[in-house]
C-alpha atoms as a PDB file:
ATOM      1  CA  MET A   1       4.755  31.184   1.098  1.00  0.00           C
ATOM      2  CA  SER A   2       1.481  29.949   2.076  1.00  0.00           C
ATOM      3  CA  GLN A   3       1.251  27.371   4.830  1.00  0.00           C
ATOM      4  CA  PHE A   4      -1.685  24.842   5.135  1.00  0.00           C
ATOM      5  CA  GLY A   5       0.242  23.300   8.167  1.00  0.00           C
ATOM      6  CA  ALA A   6      -0.700  20.235  10.355  1.00  0.00           C
ATOM      7  CA  GLY A   7      -3.956  19.247   9.019  1.00  0.00           C
ATOM      8  CA  THR A   8      -5.116  15.731   7.271  1.00  0.00           C
ATOM      9  CA  ILE A   9      -5.899  14.486   3.730  1.00  0.00           C
ATOM     10  CA  THR A  10      -8.288  11.727   4.006  1.00  0.00           C
ATOM     11  CA  VAL A  11      -9.007   9.403   1.235  1.00  0.00           C
ATOM     12  CA  SER A  12     -11.832   7.471   1.171  1.00  0.00           C
ATOM     13  CA  LEU A  13     -13.948   5.371  -1.043  1.00  0.00           C
ATOM     14  CA  ASP A  14     -17.381   6.343  -1.888  1.00  0.00           C
ATOM     15  CA  ASP A  15     -19.342   2.903  -1.902  1.00  0.00           C
ATOM     16  CA  GLY A  16     -17.090   1.760   1.053  1.00  0.00           C
ATOM     17  CA  GLY A  17     -14.196  -0.391   0.589  1.00  0.00           C
ATOM     18  CA  GLN A  18     -13.877  -4.085  -0.042  1.00  0.00           C
ATOM     19  CA  SER A  19     -10.742  -6.071   0.951  1.00  0.00           C
ATOM     20  CA  PHE A  20      -9.072  -5.811  -2.541  1.00  0.00           C
ATOM     21  CA  ASP A  21      -9.040  -2.084  -2.665  1.00  0.00           C
ATOM     22  CA  GLN A  22      -5.936  -0.377  -1.923  1.00  0.00           C
ATOM     23  CA  LEU A  23      -5.309   3.477  -1.450  1.00  0.00           C
ATOM     24  CA  THR A  24      -1.604   4.733  -1.878  1.00  0.00           C
ATOM     25  CA  ILE A  25       0.472   7.444  -2.117  1.00  0.00           C
ATOM     26  CA  THR A  26       3.482   7.370  -4.827  1.00  0.00           C
ATOM     27  CA  ASP A  27       6.106   8.690  -2.046  1.00  0.00           C
ATOM     28  CA  GLY A  28       4.955   8.971   1.665  1.00  0.00           C
ATOM     29  CA  SER A  29       8.324  10.900   2.120  1.00  0.00           C
ATOM     30  CA  LEU A  30       7.005  14.010  -0.284  1.00  0.00           C
ATOM     31  CA  ALA A  31       7.653  17.440   1.548  1.00  0.00           C
ATOM     32  CA  GLY A  32       4.737  18.406   3.737  1.00  0.00           C
ATOM     33  CA  ILE A  33       4.117  14.952   4.814  1.00  0.00           C
ATOM     34  CA  ALA A  34       4.242  13.895   8.526  1.00  0.00           C
ATOM     35  CA  SER A  35       2.779  10.751   8.308  1.00  0.00           C
ATOM     36  CA  VAL A  36       0.810   8.020   6.395  1.00  0.00           C
ATOM     37  CA  SER A  37      -1.616   5.346   7.560  1.00  0.00           C
ATOM     38  CA  GLY A  38      -4.112   3.168   6.492  1.00  0.00           C
ATOM     39  CA  GLY A  39      -5.105   2.603   2.900  1.00  0.00           C
ATOM     40  CA  THR A  40      -4.977  -0.964   2.590  1.00  0.00           C
ATOM     41  CA  ASN A  41      -8.329  -3.484   2.498  1.00  0.00           C
ATOM     42  CA  GLY A  42     -10.931  -0.977   1.804  1.00  0.00           C
ATOM     43  CA  ASN A  43      -9.800   1.527   5.045  1.00  0.00           C
ATOM     44  CA  ASP A  44      -9.774   5.488   4.493  1.00  0.00           C
ATOM     45  CA  LEU A  45      -6.063   6.704   3.632  1.00  0.00           C
ATOM     46  CA  VAL A  46      -4.912   9.187   5.901  1.00  0.00           C
ATOM     47  CA  VAL A  47      -2.189  11.602   5.397  1.00  0.00           C
ATOM     48  CA  GLN A  48      -1.086  13.708   8.384  1.00  0.00           C
ATOM     49  CA  LEU A  49       0.477  17.258   7.054  1.00  0.00           C
ATOM     50  CA  SER A  50       3.634  18.470   8.776  1.00  0.00           C
ATOM     51  CA  PRO A  51       2.938  21.640  10.617  1.00  0.00           C
ATOM     52  CA  THR A  52       4.901  23.654   7.866  1.00  0.00           C
ATOM     53  CA  ALA A  53       3.319  21.783   4.781  1.00  0.00           C
ATOM     54  CA  THR A  54       2.555  24.424   2.015  1.00  0.00           C
ATOM     55  CA  THR A  55      -0.265  24.868  -0.360  1.00  0.00           C
ATOM     56  CA  ALA A  56       1.985  23.844  -3.055  1.00  0.00           C
ATOM     57  CA  GLN A  57       3.328  20.767  -1.228  1.00  0.00           C
ATOM     58  CA  VAL A  58      -0.370  19.824  -0.324  1.00  0.00           C
ATOM     59  CA  ALA A  59      -1.704  20.246  -4.254  1.00  0.00           C
ATOM     60  CA  THR A  60       1.566  17.546  -5.059  1.00  0.00           C
ATOM     61  CA  ILE A  61       0.690  14.808  -2.233  1.00  0.00           C
ATOM     62  CA  VAL A  62      -3.004  15.106  -3.546  1.00  0.00           C
ATOM     63  CA  GLU A  63      -1.449  14.397  -7.421  1.00  0.00           C
ATOM     64  CA  ALA A  64       0.274  11.794  -5.775  1.00  0.00           C
ATOM     65  CA  LEU A  65      -2.762   9.750  -4.520  1.00  0.00           C
ATOM     66  CA  ARG A  66      -3.433   6.183  -6.161  1.00  0.00           C
ATOM     67  CA  TYR A  67      -5.837   3.488  -6.315  1.00  0.00           C
ATOM     68  CA  ASN A  68      -5.145  -0.152  -6.984  1.00  0.00           C
ATOM     69  CA  SER A  69      -7.101  -3.339  -7.013  1.00  0.00           C
ATOM     70  CA  SER A  70      -5.552  -6.464  -5.691  1.00  0.00           C
ATOM     71  CA  SER A  71      -8.551  -8.514  -7.424  1.00  0.00           C
ATOM     72  CA  ASP A  72      -7.650 -10.620 -10.349  1.00  0.00           C
ATOM     73  CA  THR A  73     -11.445 -10.426 -11.366  1.00  0.00           C
ATOM     74  CA  PHE A  74     -12.054  -6.570 -10.734  1.00  0.00           C
ATOM     75  CA  GLY A  75     -13.390  -4.699 -13.553  1.00  0.00           C
ATOM     76  CA  GLY A  76     -15.513  -2.138 -12.315  1.00  0.00           C
ATOM     77  CA  ALA A  77     -14.944   1.923 -11.336  1.00  0.00           C
ATOM     78  CA  ARG A  78     -14.723   3.172  -8.032  1.00  0.00           C
ATOM     79  CA  ASP A  79     -15.282   7.025  -7.053  1.00  0.00           C
ATOM     80  CA  MET A  80     -13.418   8.401  -4.147  1.00  0.00           C
ATOM     81  CA  THR A  81     -13.423  11.678  -2.014  1.00  0.00           C
ATOM     82  CA  VAL A  82     -10.615  13.513  -0.804  1.00  0.00           C
ATOM     83  CA  THR A  83     -11.050  15.395   2.321  1.00  0.00           C
ATOM     84  CA  LEU A  84      -8.815  18.272   3.439  1.00  0.00           C
ATOM     85  CA  SER A  85      -9.087  19.542   6.729  1.00  0.00           C
END
């Protein structure tokens, strides 16, 4: 089993976040996650990986990332960057 271990996944909006931009993860208790912070009001979402996080767990975590707009009138597109370090 390959381990990634103790790194971070940072999700950011390419054009800068707005107060209505929400970055989330569908399940903050997925295997391989040590903690989740940020993601609200246009701020970066940071997922701290556990020291024993495997490559497969990291892939599952990345697939669980989500964007939501709390604006009733937003109709545009958002590009985001996912950085794994």
